[in-house]
């Protein structure tokens, strides 16, 4: 079972992870934590995208919004080199934001950025509804 790193509370409602690992391609070779928690779904999604397999689809909603389809298309040319969880923020019982740091190759350029993935409850599982792009 996947366990998210410990967190500490910030003033604005964000909970920042302490000692969060940075995963690279060798570290995600067999990493598929599933959809039991918001963090597990986000790590599952990005680990799969790093490996360039299709397991990331396991943590998407059954019905994909137009926004999700556009964001997935925008990610097509990405080669993700490293992933690190940064923080999380609960928006409701059914929605969390999970801030990630990504190092990637996009359009032939090395890019590092932080952005939020939106994760929502879908029945008994968590799904990525808006990956950062």
Protein backbone atom coordinates (compact mmCIF):
# COMPACT_ATOMS: atom_id res chain seq x y z
CA UNK A 1 0.00 0.00 0.00
CA UNK A 2 1.22 3.47 -0.90
CA UNK A 3 1.83 5.85 1.98
CA UNK A 4 2.07 9.57 1.31
CA UNK A 5 4.90 11.49 2.98
CA UNK A 6 4.13 13.28 6.23
CA UNK A 7 2.90 16.85 5.97
CA UNK A 8 2.91 20.12 7.87
CA UNK A 9 0.14 22.72 7.69
CA UNK A 10 0.70 26.13 6.07
CA UNK A 11 -1.45 29.21 6.70
CA UNK A 12 -3.29 29.07 3.39
CA UNK A 13 -4.68 25.54 3.88
CA UNK A 14 -1.93 23.78 1.96
CA UNK A 15 -0.28 20.82 3.66
CA UNK A 16 3.34 20.56 2.51
CA UNK A 17 5.03 17.17 2.35
CA UNK A 18 8.18 16.66 4.37
CA UNK A 19 10.97 14.51 2.96
CA UNK A 20 9.02 13.68 -0.19
CA UNK A 21 11.11 11.52 -2.51
CA UNK A 22 11.92 12.52 -6.06
CA UNK A 23 11.07 9.62 -8.36
CA UNK A 24 13.00 9.13 -11.58
CA UNK A 25 12.46 6.49 -14.25
CA UNK A 26 14.30 3.64 -12.47
CA UNK A 27 12.38 4.40 -9.25
CA UNK A 28 8.99 4.13 -10.99
CA UNK A 29 9.74 0.94 -12.95
CA UNK A 30 7.31 -1.07 -10.81
CA UNK A 31 5.47 1.79 -9.09
CA UNK A 32 1.69 1.63 -9.53
CA UNK A 33 0.14 2.64 -6.19
CA UNK A 34 -3.45 2.65 -7.43
CA UNK A 35 -6.32 4.92 -6.52
CA UNK A 36 -6.94 4.53 -2.77
CA UNK A 37 -5.77 8.07 -1.92
CA UNK A 38 -5.39 11.35 -3.82
CA UNK A 39 -1.59 11.06 -3.66
CA UNK A 40 -1.61 7.44 -4.81
CA UNK A 41 -3.67 8.37 -7.87
CA UNK A 42 -1.33 11.25 -8.77
CA UNK A 43 1.81 9.14 -8.35
CA UNK A 44 0.19 6.28 -10.29
CA UNK A 45 -0.68 8.68 -13.13
CA UNK A 46 2.77 10.29 -13.41
CA UNK A 47 4.76 7.09 -12.86
CA UNK A 48 2.91 5.56 -15.79
CA UNK A 49 3.46 8.66 -17.93
CA UNK A 50 7.18 8.46 -17.10
CA UNK A 51 7.30 4.81 -18.21
CA UNK A 52 5.24 5.67 -21.30
CA UNK A 53 2.82 2.82 -20.69
CA UNK A 54 -0.95 3.15 -20.47
CA UNK A 55 -1.54 2.41 -16.78
CA UNK A 56 -2.22 6.14 -16.21
CA UNK A 57 -5.64 5.52 -17.73
CA UNK A 58 -6.49 3.40 -14.66
CA UNK A 59 -6.72 6.57 -12.53
CA UNK A 60 -8.84 8.67 -14.87
CA UNK A 61 -12.60 9.11 -14.59
CA UNK A 62 -14.81 6.85 -16.69
CA UNK A 63 -16.15 9.94 -18.48
CA UNK A 64 -13.43 12.38 -19.52
CA UNK A 65 -14.27 16.08 -19.61
CA UNK A 66 -13.27 18.24 -22.56
CA UNK A 67 -10.74 19.98 -20.29
CA UNK A 68 -9.16 16.65 -19.34
CA UNK A 69 -8.97 15.55 -22.98
CA UNK A 70 -7.24 18.84 -23.92
CA UNK A 71 -4.77 18.55 -21.03
CA UNK A 72 -3.91 14.96 -21.94
CA UNK A 73 -3.32 15.98 -25.56
CA UNK A 74 -1.05 18.82 -24.40
CA UNK A 75 1.06 16.28 -22.44
CA UNK A 76 1.61 13.97 -25.42
CA UNK A 77 5.10 15.18 -26.28
CA UNK A 78 6.37 15.27 -22.70
CA UNK A 79 9.16 13.09 -21.37
CA UNK A 80 8.89 13.32 -17.60
CA UNK A 81 12.27 12.86 -15.94
CA UNK A 82 11.40 13.30 -12.24
CA UNK A 83 8.31 13.66 -10.11
CA UNK A 84 8.01 14.91 -6.55
CA UNK A 85 4.94 15.54 -4.42
CA UNK A 86 5.04 19.07 -2.99
CA UNK A 87 1.76 19.73 -1.15
CA UNK A 88 -1.93 18.95 -0.93
CA UNK A 89 -5.06 20.96 -0.21
CA UNK A 90 -8.51 19.63 0.51
CA UNK A 91 -11.24 21.50 -1.35
CA UNK A 92 -14.13 19.25 -0.25
CA UNK A 93 -14.77 15.68 0.89
CA UNK A 94 -14.57 14.67 -2.77
CA UNK A 95 -11.86 16.97 -4.18
CA UNK A 96 -8.18 17.56 -3.41
CA UNK A 97 -5.43 19.51 -5.10
CA UNK A 98 -2.04 17.78 -5.15
CA UNK A 99 0.86 20.06 -6.05
CA UNK A 100 3.67 18.31 -7.91
CA UNK A 101 7.11 19.28 -9.11
CA UNK A 102 8.02 17.89 -12.52
CA UNK A 103 11.30 17.95 -14.40
CA UNK A 104 10.60 17.15 -18.02
CA UNK A 105 11.60 17.48 -21.61
CA UNK A 106 8.99 19.39 -23.63
CA UNK A 107 9.47 20.48 -27.23
CA UNK A 108 13.17 19.65 -26.94
CA UNK A 109 13.66 21.88 -23.89
CA UNK A 110 14.33 20.97 -20.26
CA UNK A 111 11.53 22.37 -18.11
CA UNK A 112 10.99 22.32 -14.36
CA UNK A 113 7.71 23.47 -12.90
CA UNK A 114 5.24 23.11 -10.06
CA UNK A 115 1.53 22.96 -10.57
CA UNK A 116 -1.60 21.41 -9.10
CA UNK A 117 -3.34 18.22 -10.15
CA UNK A 118 -7.03 18.05 -9.28
CA UNK A 119 -8.07 14.69 -7.86
CA UNK A 120 -11.70 13.77 -7.23
CA UNK A 121 -13.58 10.93 -5.61
CA UNK A 122 -15.28 8.69 -8.19
CA UNK A 123 -17.22 6.01 -6.34
CA UNK A 124 -14.72 4.20 -4.13
CA UNK A 125 -11.61 5.46 -5.90
CA UNK A 126 -9.66 8.66 -6.49
CA UNK A 127 -9.15 9.84 -10.09
CA UNK A 128 -7.07 12.57 -11.72
CA UNK A 129 -9.50 14.98 -13.33
CA UNK A 130 -7.10 17.85 -14.19
CA UNK A 131 -3.39 17.15 -14.50
CA UNK A 132 -1.13 20.21 -14.57
CA UNK A 133 0.00 21.32 -17.99
